[in-house]
Amino acid sequence: MNTSQKPLWLILAPVVFTILWAGGYGIAKVGLQYAEPMTLLSLRFSTVVILLIPFYFFFKPALPKRSADWLHLVVVGVLMQAVYFGFCWWAFKTGVSAGVLAIFMSLQPILVAILAPKLAKEKVSWLRWLGLLLGLAGVLIVIIARSNIEPPTLIGVSLSVLGLLGITSGVLYEKRFGGGYHPIVTNMVQYAAGFAVVAPIALTFETMEVTWTPEFFAALAYLAIGNSILAISLLLAMIRAGEVSRVSSLMFLVPPLAAVFGWVLLGEEMPILAWGGMAVAAIGVIIVSNKQRT
């Protein structure tokens, strides 16, 4: 699709999505200072569903007609909400910083590029592979640069990898089986599915105690509205409008922004060498995203 033929929202979507998504890492860590991971996720998911109910009755978007379509929505919801966010927020509780977790998640395009030809029926050219490998190199530089400040623990790394597998699987599944339903329907079903998974875990393994402070309310509002409703809707819309490997390359832009949010909100440091690694990753993004050359 030519850029001049794209609607304005689709042109602006990558920038808006990247900012909203990157901010979610640091703000989630703020929220986790006042509630346990699955408890906070349960509040987040239920808040999203409650906020969307009035919009559903106002706009009355079409619902899936086949049971298989309902199942596809539920599967994506479980993978992208319960699995991805669940493991990521557990990783936060082990001490993984917002910037480091965002760096792990930026490995997603590598996995997508490997799996996309079979699962998403896309061809990834050698030039796009070069861009993806540059992105990986940048990620590794950042990890090495931060290792002296905050070396990740084995459990933190393991949880981060599981979260990475969750969102990668969700993106590919959405690309293959997504039905293009209205964002209100998609979000309501998927966040309800996420709630159905994380709420029993919170009830079983957590105290579910919450410290209700203005900071917690602000964090919950951002996570529910900005990070959940707006960001996820944009991500799903971009997946349906373009190739999945190119959309996923946006994840390379998240770490530097997440590092800035982490520094402002949590005082997390980012060495100069790490910023160089992020610059290398950004070059990879430019290569992967340039459709005319790839």
C-alpha atoms as a PDB file:
ATOM      1  CA  MET A   1       0.000   0.000   0.000  1.00  0.00           C
ATOM      2  CA  ASN A   2       1.374   3.401  -0.969  1.00  0.00           C
ATOM      3  CA  THR A   3       1.916   5.815   1.937  1.00  0.00           C
ATOM      4  CA  SER A   4      -0.166   8.486   0.198  1.00  0.00           C
ATOM      5  CA  GLN A   5      -3.089   6.053   0.024  1.00  0.00           C
ATOM      6  CA  LYS A   6      -2.987   5.153   3.706  1.00  0.00           C
ATOM      7  CA  PRO A   7      -5.462   6.747   6.122  1.00  0.00           C
ATOM      8  CA  LEU A   8      -3.948   9.224   8.562  1.00  0.00           C
ATOM      9  CA  TRP A   9      -4.514   6.977  11.584  1.00  0.00           C
ATOM     10  CA  LEU A  10      -2.513   4.178   9.947  1.00  0.00           C
ATOM     11  CA  ILE A  11       0.367   6.555   9.160  1.00  0.00           C
ATOM     12  CA  LEU A  12       0.468   7.783  12.772  1.00  0.00           C
ATOM     13  CA  ALA A  13      -0.221   4.367  14.305  1.00  0.00           C
ATOM     14  CA  PRO A  14       3.429   3.180  14.538  1.00  0.00           C
ATOM     15  CA  VAL A  15       4.553   6.286  16.452  1.00  0.00           C
ATOM     16  CA  VAL A  16       1.567   6.322  18.825  1.00  0.00           C
ATOM     17  CA  PHE A  17       1.771   2.571  19.426  1.00  0.00           C
ATOM     18  CA  THR A  18       5.510   2.668  20.148  1.00  0.00           C
ATOM     19  CA  ILE A  19       5.181   5.459  22.732  1.00  0.00           C
ATOM     20  CA  LEU A  20       2.203   3.856  24.475  1.00  0.00           C
ATOM     21  CA  TRP A  21       3.791   0.415  24.475  1.00  0.00           C
ATOM     22  CA  ALA A  22       7.179   1.638  25.728  1.00  0.00           C
ATOM     23  CA  GLY A  23       5.593   3.607  28.551  1.00  0.00           C
ATOM     24  CA  GLY A  24       3.812   0.497  29.781  1.00  0.00           C
ATOM     25  CA  TYR A  25       7.050  -1.117  30.996  1.00  0.00           C
ATOM     26  CA  GLY A  26       8.004   1.580  33.493  1.00  0.00           C
ATOM     27  CA  ILE A  27       4.433   2.315  34.535  1.00  0.00           C
ATOM     28  CA  ALA A  28       3.774  -1.393  35.152  1.00  0.00           C
ATOM     29  CA  LYS A  29       6.722  -1.431  37.565  1.00  0.00           C
ATOM     30  CA  VAL A  30       5.212   1.574  39.331  1.00  0.00           C
ATOM     31  CA  GLY A  31       1.905  -0.259  39.692  1.00  0.00           C
ATOM     32  CA  LEU A  32       3.644  -3.383  40.982  1.00  0.00           C
ATOM     33  CA  GLN A  33       4.904  -1.394  43.951  1.00  0.00           C
ATOM     34  CA  TYR A  34       1.305  -1.376  45.208  1.00  0.00           C
ATOM     35  CA  ALA A  35      -0.098  -4.749  44.064  1.00  0.00           C
ATOM     36  CA  GLU A  36       1.090  -8.249  43.165  1.00  0.00           C
ATOM     37  CA  PRO A  37       1.459  -9.166  39.451  1.00  0.00           C
ATOM     38  CA  MET A  38      -1.639 -11.305  38.864  1.00  0.00           C
ATOM     39  CA  THR A  39      -3.728  -9.074  41.111  1.00  0.00           C
ATOM     40  CA  LEU A  40      -2.746  -5.996  39.131  1.00  0.00           C
ATOM     41  CA  LEU A  41      -3.362  -7.814  35.845  1.00  0.00           C
ATOM     42  CA  SER A  42      -6.797  -8.914  37.063  1.00  0.00           C
ATOM     43  CA  LEU A  43      -7.677  -5.307  37.911  1.00  0.00           C
ATOM     44  CA  ARG A  44      -6.298  -4.124  34.574  1.00  0.00           C
ATOM     45  CA  PHE A  45      -8.201  -6.650  32.468  1.00  0.00           C
ATOM     46  CA  SER A  46     -11.484  -6.241  34.339  1.00  0.00           C
ATOM     47  CA  THR A  47     -11.189  -2.446  34.083  1.00  0.00           C
ATOM     48  CA  VAL A  48     -10.744  -2.693  30.313  1.00  0.00           C
ATOM     49  CA  VAL A  49     -13.827  -4.881  29.898  1.00  0.00           C
ATOM     50  CA  ILE A  50     -15.939  -2.615  32.120  1.00  0.00           C
ATOM     51  CA  LEU A  51     -14.850   0.496  30.218  1.00  0.00           C
ATOM     52  CA  LEU A  52     -15.667  -1.104  26.865  1.00  0.00           C
ATOM     53  CA  ILE A  53     -19.175  -2.344  27.735  1.00  0.00           C
ATOM     54  CA  PRO A  54     -20.888   1.068  27.202  1.00  0.00           C
ATOM     55  CA  PHE A  55     -19.068   1.505  23.868  1.00  0.00           C
ATOM     56  CA  TYR A  56     -20.241  -1.919  22.764  1.00  0.00           C
ATOM     57  CA  PHE A  57     -23.899  -1.085  23.389  1.00  0.00           C
ATOM     58  CA  PHE A  58     -23.489   2.327  21.723  1.00  0.00           C
ATOM     59  CA  PHE A  59     -21.727   1.185  18.539  1.00  0.00           C
ATOM     60  CA  LYS A  60     -23.197  -2.343  18.474  1.00  0.00           C
ATOM     61  CA  PRO A  61     -20.348  -3.875  16.444  1.00  0.00           C
ATOM     62  CA  ALA A  62     -20.854  -7.256  14.822  1.00  0.00           C
ATOM     63  CA  LEU A  63     -19.973 -10.325  16.851  1.00  0.00           C
ATOM     64  CA  PRO A  64     -18.260 -13.451  15.501  1.00  0.00           C
ATOM     65  CA  LYS A  65     -20.757 -15.831  13.972  1.00  0.00           C
ATOM     66  CA  ARG A  66     -18.781 -19.073  14.167  1.00  0.00           C
ATOM     67  CA  SER A  67     -17.549 -20.821  17.304  1.00  0.00           C
ATOM     68  CA  ALA A  68     -14.138 -21.149  15.649  1.00  0.00           C
ATOM     69  CA  ASP A  69     -13.895 -17.357  15.356  1.00  0.00           C
ATOM     70  CA  TRP A  70     -14.683 -16.977  19.059  1.00  0.00           C
ATOM     71  CA  LEU A  71     -11.988 -19.546  19.804  1.00  0.00           C
ATOM     72  CA  HIS A  72      -9.409 -17.654  17.735  1.00  0.00           C
ATOM     73  CA  LEU A  73     -10.120 -14.452  19.673  1.00  0.00           C
ATOM     74  CA  VAL A  74      -9.790 -16.296  22.976  1.00  0.00           C
ATOM     75  CA  VAL A  75      -6.489 -17.933  21.990  1.00  0.00           C
ATOM     76  CA  VAL A  76      -4.937 -14.598  20.986  1.00  0.00           C
ATOM     77  CA  GLY A  77      -6.227 -13.070  24.217  1.00  0.00           C
ATOM     78  CA  VAL A  78      -4.653 -15.778  26.349  1.00  0.00           C
ATOM     79  CA  LEU A  79      -1.312 -15.579  24.503  1.00  0.00           C
ATOM     80  CA  MET A  80      -1.006 -11.788  24.286  1.00  0.00           C
ATOM     81  CA  GLN A  81      -2.588 -10.900  27.620  1.00  0.00           C
ATOM     82  CA  ALA A  82      -2.238 -13.705  30.152  1.00  0.00           C
ATOM     83  CA  VAL A  83       0.969 -15.350  28.893  1.00  0.00           C
ATOM     84  CA  TYR A  84       2.871 -12.285  27.686  1.00  0.00           C
ATOM     85  CA  PHE A  85       1.960  -9.838  30.440  1.00  0.00           C
ATOM     86  CA  GLY A  86       1.855 -12.508  33.140  1.00  0.00           C
ATOM     87  CA  PHE A  87       5.414 -13.699  32.620  1.00  0.00           C
ATOM     88  CA  CYS A  88       6.706 -10.169  32.003  1.00  0.00           C
ATOM     89  CA  TRP A  89       5.237  -8.849  35.236  1.00  0.00           C
ATOM     90  CA  TRP A  90       6.582 -11.825  37.159  1.00  0.00           C
ATOM     91  CA  ALA A  91       9.975 -10.960  35.631  1.00  0.00           C
ATOM     92  CA  PHE A  92       9.593  -7.418  36.992  1.00  0.00           C
ATOM     93  CA  LYS A  93       9.065  -8.831  40.490  1.00  0.00           C
ATOM     94  CA  THR A  94      12.378 -10.722  40.237  1.00  0.00           C
ATOM     95  CA  GLY A  95      14.204  -7.434  39.664  1.00  0.00           C
ATOM     96  CA  VAL A  96      14.331  -7.186  35.856  1.00  0.00           C
ATOM     97  CA  SER A  97      14.341  -3.501  34.895  1.00  0.00           C
ATOM     98  CA  ALA A  98      11.892  -1.876  32.493  1.00  0.00           C
ATOM     99  CA  GLY A  99      14.641  -1.211  29.946  1.00  0.00           C
ATOM    100  CA  VAL A 100      16.078  -4.730  30.058  1.00  0.00           C
ATOM    101  CA  LEU A 101      12.666  -6.389  29.691  1.00  0.00           C
ATOM    102  CA  ALA A 102      11.903  -4.143  26.715  1.00  0.00           C
ATOM    103  CA  ILE A 103      15.215  -5.237  25.190  1.00  0.00           C
ATOM    104  CA  PHE A 104      14.265  -8.882  25.564  1.00  0.00           C
ATOM    105  CA  MET A 105      10.909  -8.208  23.931  1.00  0.00           C
ATOM    106  CA  SER A 106      12.642  -6.520  20.998  1.00  0.00           C
ATOM    107  CA  LEU A 107      13.941  -9.960  20.039  1.00  0.00           C
ATOM    108  CA  GLN A 108      10.420 -10.722  18.853  1.00  0.00           C
ATOM    109  CA  PRO A 109      11.071  -9.695  15.211  1.00  0.00           C
ATOM    110  CA  ILE A 110      13.834 -12.308  14.976  1.00  0.00           C
ATOM    111  CA  LEU A 111      11.442 -15.056  16.032  1.00  0.00           C
ATOM    112  CA  VAL A 112       8.679 -13.694  13.808  1.00  0.00           C
ATOM    113  CA  ALA A 113      11.001 -13.583  10.792  1.00  0.00           C
ATOM    114  CA  ILE A 114      12.019 -17.182  11.389  1.00  0.00           C
ATOM    115  CA  LEU A 115       8.459 -18.416  11.809  1.00  0.00           C
ATOM    116  CA  ALA A 116       6.545 -16.054   9.490  1.00  0.00           C
ATOM    117  CA  PRO A 117       7.247 -17.842   6.186  1.00  0.00           C
ATOM    118  CA  LYS A 118       5.410 -20.953   7.432  1.00  0.00           C
ATOM    119  CA  LEU A 119       2.850 -19.611   9.892  1.00  0.00           C
ATOM    120  CA  ALA A 120       2.032 -16.236   8.345  1.00  0.00           C
ATOM    121  CA  LYS A 121       2.716 -17.167   4.711  1.00  0.00           C
ATOM    122  CA  GLU A 122       5.166 -14.287   4.209  1.00  0.00           C
ATOM    123  CA  LYS A 123       8.514 -14.186   2.450  1.00  0.00           C
ATOM    124  CA  VAL A 124      11.353 -12.432   4.294  1.00  0.00           C
ATOM    125  CA  SER A 125      14.073 -11.163   1.929  1.00  0.00           C
ATOM    126  CA  TRP A 126      17.803 -11.239   2.629  1.00  0.00           C
ATOM    127  CA  LEU A 127      17.851  -7.463   3.122  1.00  0.00           C
ATOM    128  CA  ARG A 128      15.186  -7.680   5.770  1.00  0.00           C
ATOM    129  CA  TRP A 129      17.152 -10.485   7.414  1.00  0.00           C
ATOM    130  CA  LEU A 130      20.118  -8.095   7.513  1.00  0.00           C
ATOM    131  CA  GLY A 131      17.969  -5.508   9.252  1.00  0.00           C
ATOM    132  CA  LEU A 132      16.728  -8.066  11.745  1.00  0.00           C
ATOM    133  CA  LEU A 133      20.275  -9.241  12.495  1.00  0.00           C
ATOM    134  CA  LEU A 134      21.396  -5.642  13.048  1.00  0.00           C
ATOM    135  CA  GLY A 135      18.542  -5.267  15.476  1.00  0.00           C
ATOM    136  CA  LEU A 136      19.667  -8.404  17.318  1.00  0.00           C
ATOM    137  CA  ALA A 137      23.238  -7.093  17.464  1.00  0.00           C
ATOM    138  CA  GLY A 138      22.004  -3.838  18.960  1.00  0.00           C
ATOM    139  CA  VAL A 139      20.008  -5.727  21.576  1.00  0.00           C
ATOM    140  CA  LEU A 140      23.055  -7.775  22.592  1.00  0.00           C
ATOM    141  CA  ILE A 141      25.167  -4.625  22.925  1.00  0.00           C
ATOM    142  CA  VAL A 142      22.600  -3.130  25.285  1.00  0.00           C
ATOM    143  CA  ILE A 143      22.451  -6.275  27.410  1.00  0.00           C
ATOM    144  CA  ILE A 144      26.249  -6.411  27.691  1.00  0.00           C
ATOM    145  CA  ALA A 145      26.473  -2.686  28.478  1.00  0.00           C
ATOM    146  CA  ARG A 146      23.978  -3.017  31.334  1.00  0.00           C
ATOM    147  CA  SER A 147      25.394  -6.241  32.760  1.00  0.00           C
ATOM    148  CA  ASN A 148      27.782  -4.396  35.101  1.00  0.00           C
ATOM    149  CA  ILE A 149      24.953  -2.277  36.505  1.00  0.00           C
ATOM    150  CA  GLU A 150      22.194  -4.852  36.806  1.00  0.00           C
ATOM    151  CA  PRO A 151      22.978  -8.398  35.647  1.00  0.00           C
ATOM    152  CA  PRO A 152      19.707 -10.249  34.976  1.00  0.00           C
ATOM    153  CA  THR A 153      19.001 -13.279  37.168  1.00  0.00           C
ATOM    154  CA  LEU A 154      18.378 -16.717  35.659  1.00  0.00           C
ATOM    155  CA  ILE A 155      14.747 -16.692  36.795  1.00  0.00           C
ATOM    156  CA  GLY A 156      14.293 -13.171  35.419  1.00  0.00           C
ATOM    157  CA  VAL A 157      15.730 -14.160  32.050  1.00  0.00           C
ATOM    158  CA  SER A 158      13.617 -17.318  31.933  1.00  0.00           C
ATOM    159  CA  LEU A 159      10.398 -15.437  32.687  1.00  0.00           C
ATOM    160  CA  SER A 160      11.306 -12.784  30.097  1.00  0.00           C
ATOM    161  CA  VAL A 161      11.842 -15.462  27.437  1.00  0.00           C
ATOM    162  CA  LEU A 162       8.483 -17.049  28.247  1.00  0.00           C
ATOM    163  CA  GLY A 163       6.815 -13.649  27.901  1.00  0.00           C
ATOM    164  CA  LEU A 164       8.587 -13.166  24.571  1.00  0.00           C
ATOM    165  CA  LEU A 165       7.296 -16.514  23.314  1.00  0.00           C
ATOM    166  CA  GLY A 166       3.800 -15.539  24.413  1.00  0.00           C
ATOM    167  CA  ILE A 167       3.578 -12.308  22.425  1.00  0.00           C
ATOM    168  CA  THR A 168       5.363 -13.809  19.410  1.00  0.00           C
ATOM    169  CA  SER A 169       2.891 -16.683  19.297  1.00  0.00           C
ATOM    170  CA  GLY A 170      -0.001 -14.261  19.735  1.00  0.00           C
ATOM    171  CA  VAL A 171       1.136 -12.038  16.861  1.00  0.00           C
ATOM    172  CA  LEU A 172       1.573 -14.978  14.491  1.00  0.00           C
ATOM    173  CA  TYR A 173      -1.719 -16.568  15.507  1.00  0.00           C
ATOM    174  CA  GLU A 174      -3.536 -13.268  14.981  1.00  0.00           C
ATOM    175  CA  LYS A 175      -1.982 -12.881  11.549  1.00  0.00           C
ATOM    176  CA  ARG A 176      -2.997 -16.401  10.523  1.00  0.00           C
ATOM    177  CA  PHE A 177      -6.443 -16.653  12.094  1.00  0.00           C
ATOM    178  CA  GLY A 178      -7.504 -13.085  12.948  1.00  0.00           C
ATOM    179  CA  GLY A 179     -10.952 -12.219  11.612  1.00  0.00           C
ATOM    180  CA  GLY A 180     -10.683  -8.441  11.415  1.00  0.00           C
ATOM    181  CA  TYR A 181     -13.408  -7.790  13.976  1.00  0.00           C
ATOM    182  CA  HIS A 182     -14.172  -4.412  15.480  1.00  0.00           C
ATOM    183  CA  PRO A 183     -11.553  -3.369  18.121  1.00  0.00           C
ATOM    184  CA  ILE A 184     -14.278  -3.176  20.786  1.00  0.00           C
ATOM    185  CA  VAL A 185     -15.252  -6.800  20.213  1.00  0.00           C
ATOM    186  CA  THR A 186     -11.645  -7.947  19.930  1.00  0.00           C
ATOM    187  CA  ASN A 187     -10.560  -6.235  23.128  1.00  0.00           C
ATOM    188  CA  MET A 188     -13.593  -7.287  25.167  1.00  0.00           C
ATOM    189  CA  VAL A 189     -13.182 -10.952  24.273  1.00  0.00           C
ATOM    190  CA  GLN A 190      -9.409 -11.040  24.588  1.00  0.00           C
ATOM    191  CA  TYR A 191      -9.195  -9.197  27.892  1.00  0.00           C
ATOM    192  CA  ALA A 192     -12.039 -11.286  29.296  1.00  0.00           C
ATOM    193  CA  ALA A 193     -10.036 -14.365  28.274  1.00  0.00           C
ATOM    194  CA  GLY A 194      -6.943 -12.934  29.934  1.00  0.00           C
ATOM    195  CA  PHE A 195      -8.912 -12.211  33.103  1.00  0.00           C
ATOM    196  CA  ALA A 196     -10.271 -15.767  33.145  1.00  0.00           C
ATOM    197  CA  VAL A 197      -6.686 -17.053  33.251  1.00  0.00           C
ATOM    198  CA  VAL A 198      -4.962 -14.634  35.645  1.00  0.00           C
ATOM    199  CA  ALA A 199      -7.755 -14.088  38.192  1.00  0.00           C
ATOM    200  CA  PRO A 200      -7.766 -17.722  39.462  1.00  0.00           C
ATOM    201  CA  ILE A 201      -3.950 -17.560  39.741  1.00  0.00           C
ATOM    202  CA  ALA A 202      -4.211 -14.372  41.807  1.00  0.00           C
ATOM    203  CA  LEU A 203      -6.888 -15.910  44.043  1.00  0.00           C
ATOM    204  CA  THR A 204      -4.820 -19.051  44.582  1.00  0.00           C
ATOM    205  CA  PHE A 205      -1.262 -17.792  44.945  1.00  0.00           C
ATOM    206  CA  GLU A 206      -1.456 -14.091  45.906  1.00  0.00           C
ATOM    207  CA  THR A 207      -2.835 -12.132  48.843  1.00  0.00           C
ATOM    208  CA  MET A 208      -4.689  -9.794  46.438  1.00  0.00           C
ATOM    209  CA  GLU A 209      -3.912  -6.873  48.731  1.00  0.00           C
ATOM    210  CA  VAL A 210      -3.725  -3.469  47.010  1.00  0.00           C
ATOM    211  CA  THR A 211      -2.399  -0.171  48.330  1.00  0.00           C
ATOM    212  CA  TRP A 212      -4.824   2.328  46.823  1.00  0.00           C
ATOM    213  CA  THR A 213      -2.714   5.449  46.231  1.00  0.00           C
ATOM    214  CA  PRO A 214      -3.002   8.205  43.581  1.00  0.00           C
ATOM    215  CA  GLU A 215       0.099   6.722  41.934  1.00  0.00           C
ATOM    216  CA  PHE A 216      -1.556   3.316  41.724  1.00  0.00           C
ATOM    217  CA  PHE A 217      -4.768   4.747  40.257  1.00  0.00           C
ATOM    218  CA  ALA A 218      -2.721   6.659  37.654  1.00  0.00           C
ATOM    219  CA  ALA A 219      -0.729   3.549  36.754  1.00  0.00           C
ATOM    220  CA  LEU A 220      -3.888   1.424  36.473  1.00  0.00           C
ATOM    221  CA  ALA A 221      -5.563   4.045  34.277  1.00  0.00           C
ATOM    222  CA  TYR A 222      -2.587   4.186  31.915  1.00  0.00           C
ATOM    223  CA  LEU A 223      -2.263   0.398  31.740  1.00  0.00           C
ATOM    224  CA  ALA A 224      -5.987  -0.103  31.107  1.00  0.00           C
ATOM    225  CA  ILE A 225      -6.643   2.735  28.651  1.00  0.00           C
ATOM    226  CA  GLY A 226      -3.330   3.644  27.030  1.00  0.00           C
ATOM    227  CA  ASN A 227      -1.472   0.333  27.103  1.00  0.00           C
ATOM    228  CA  SER A 228      -4.414  -2.052  26.774  1.00  0.00           C
ATOM    229  CA  ILE A 229      -7.223  -0.481  24.767  1.00  0.00           C
ATOM    230  CA  LEU A 230      -5.315   1.969  22.542  1.00  0.00           C
ATOM    231  CA  ALA A 231      -1.964   0.215  22.074  1.00  0.00           C
ATOM    232  CA  ILE A 232      -3.338  -3.298  21.553  1.00  0.00           C
ATOM    233  CA  SER A 233      -6.001  -2.017  19.140  1.00  0.00           C
ATOM    234  CA  LEU A 234      -3.327  -0.257  17.085  1.00  0.00           C
ATOM    235  CA  LEU A 235      -1.095  -3.341  17.118  1.00  0.00           C
ATOM    236  CA  LEU A 236      -3.865  -5.639  15.883  1.00  0.00           C
ATOM    237  CA  ALA A 237      -4.905  -3.099  13.228  1.00  0.00           C
ATOM    238  CA  MET A 238      -1.336  -2.796  11.940  1.00  0.00           C
ATOM    239  CA  ILE A 239      -0.925  -6.568  11.853  1.00  0.00           C
ATOM    240  CA  ARG A 240      -4.013  -6.847   9.655  1.00  0.00           C
ATOM    241  CA  ALA A 241      -2.957  -3.964   7.394  1.00  0.00           C
ATOM    242  CA  GLY A 242       0.604  -5.101   6.660  1.00  0.00           C
ATOM    243  CA  GLU A 243       3.128  -7.887   6.866  1.00  0.00           C
ATOM    244  CA  VAL A 244       3.626  -9.320  10.327  1.00  0.00           C
ATOM    245  CA  SER A 245       7.439  -9.267  10.298  1.00  0.00           C
ATOM    246  CA  ARG A 246       7.479  -5.554   9.357  1.00  0.00           C
ATOM    247  CA  VAL A 247       4.953  -4.673  12.056  1.00  0.00           C
ATOM    248  CA  SER A 248       6.917  -6.613  14.652  1.00  0.00           C
ATOM    249  CA  SER A 249      10.088  -4.694  13.766  1.00  0.00           C
ATOM    250  CA  LEU A 250       8.557  -1.748  15.629  1.00  0.00           C
ATOM    251  CA  MET A 251       9.556  -3.559  18.805  1.00  0.00           C
ATOM    252  CA  PHE A 252      13.150  -2.449  18.159  1.00  0.00           C
ATOM    253  CA  LEU A 253      12.074   1.127  18.825  1.00  0.00           C
ATOM    254  CA  VAL A 254      10.571   0.292  22.198  1.00  0.00           C
ATOM    255  CA  PRO A 255      13.780  -0.239  24.279  1.00  0.00           C
ATOM    256  CA  PRO A 256      15.164   3.316  24.040  1.00  0.00           C
ATOM    257  CA  LEU A 257      11.786   4.799  24.921  1.00  0.00           C
ATOM    258  CA  ALA A 258      11.279   2.259  27.703  1.00  0.00           C
ATOM    259  CA  ALA A 259      14.727   3.160  29.033  1.00  0.00           C
ATOM    260  CA  VAL A 260      13.741   6.826  29.142  1.00  0.00           C
ATOM    261  CA  PHE A 261      10.500   6.010  30.977  1.00  0.00           C
ATOM    262  CA  GLY A 262      12.438   3.751  33.358  1.00  0.00           C
ATOM    263  CA  TRP A 263      14.929   6.510  34.090  1.00  0.00           C
ATOM    264  CA  VAL A 264      12.260   9.171  34.670  1.00  0.00           C
ATOM    265  CA  LEU A 265       9.885   6.999  36.712  1.00  0.00           C
ATOM    266  CA  LEU A 266      12.234   4.590  38.465  1.00  0.00           C
ATOM    267  CA  GLY A 267      15.750   6.038  38.245  1.00  0.00           C
ATOM    268  CA  GLU A 268      17.021   3.119  36.129  1.00  0.00           C
ATOM    269  CA  GLU A 269      20.389   3.828  34.496  1.00  0.00           C
ATOM    270  CA  MET A 270      21.354   3.272  30.845  1.00  0.00           C
ATOM    271  CA  PRO A 271      25.103   3.442  29.968  1.00  0.00           C
ATOM    272  CA  ILE A 272      26.367   5.325  26.929  1.00  0.00           C
ATOM    273  CA  LEU A 273      27.348   2.077  25.197  1.00  0.00           C
ATOM    274  CA  ALA A 274      23.769   0.869  25.577  1.00  0.00           C
ATOM    275  CA  TRP A 275      22.479   3.899  23.684  1.00  0.00           C
ATOM    276  CA  GLY A 276      24.904   2.978  20.890  1.00  0.00           C
ATOM    277  CA  GLY A 277      23.379  -0.489  20.814  1.00  0.00           C
ATOM    278  CA  MET A 278      19.937   1.022  20.540  1.00  0.00           C
ATOM    279  CA  ALA A 279      21.146   3.118  17.583  1.00  0.00           C
ATOM    280  CA  VAL A 280      22.317  -0.065  15.849  1.00  0.00           C
ATOM    281  CA  ALA A 281      18.907  -1.629  16.495  1.00  0.00           C
ATOM    282  CA  ALA A 282      17.218   1.474  15.060  1.00  0.00           C
ATOM    283  CA  ILE A 283      19.177   1.035  11.807  1.00  0.00           C
ATOM    284  CA  GLY A 284      17.808  -2.484  11.647  1.00  0.00           C
ATOM    285  CA  VAL A 285      14.286  -1.110  12.034  1.00  0.00           C
ATOM    286  CA  ILE A 286      14.777   1.258   9.115  1.00  0.00           C
ATOM    287  CA  ILE A 287      15.949  -1.592   6.881  1.00  0.00           C
ATOM    288  CA  VAL A 288      13.149  -3.957   7.895  1.00  0.00           C
ATOM    289  CA  SER A 289      10.480  -1.265   7.569  1.00  0.00           C
ATOM    290  CA  ASN A 290      11.518  -0.005   4.137  1.00  0.00           C
ATOM    291  CA  LYS A 291       9.130  -1.934   1.903  1.00  0.00           C
ATOM    292  CA  GLN A 292      10.407  -0.392  -1.314  1.00  0.00           C
ATOM    293  CA  ARG A 293      13.897  -1.756  -0.766  1.00  0.00           C
ATOM    294  CA  THR A 294      12.943  -5.149   0.607  1.00  0.00           C
END
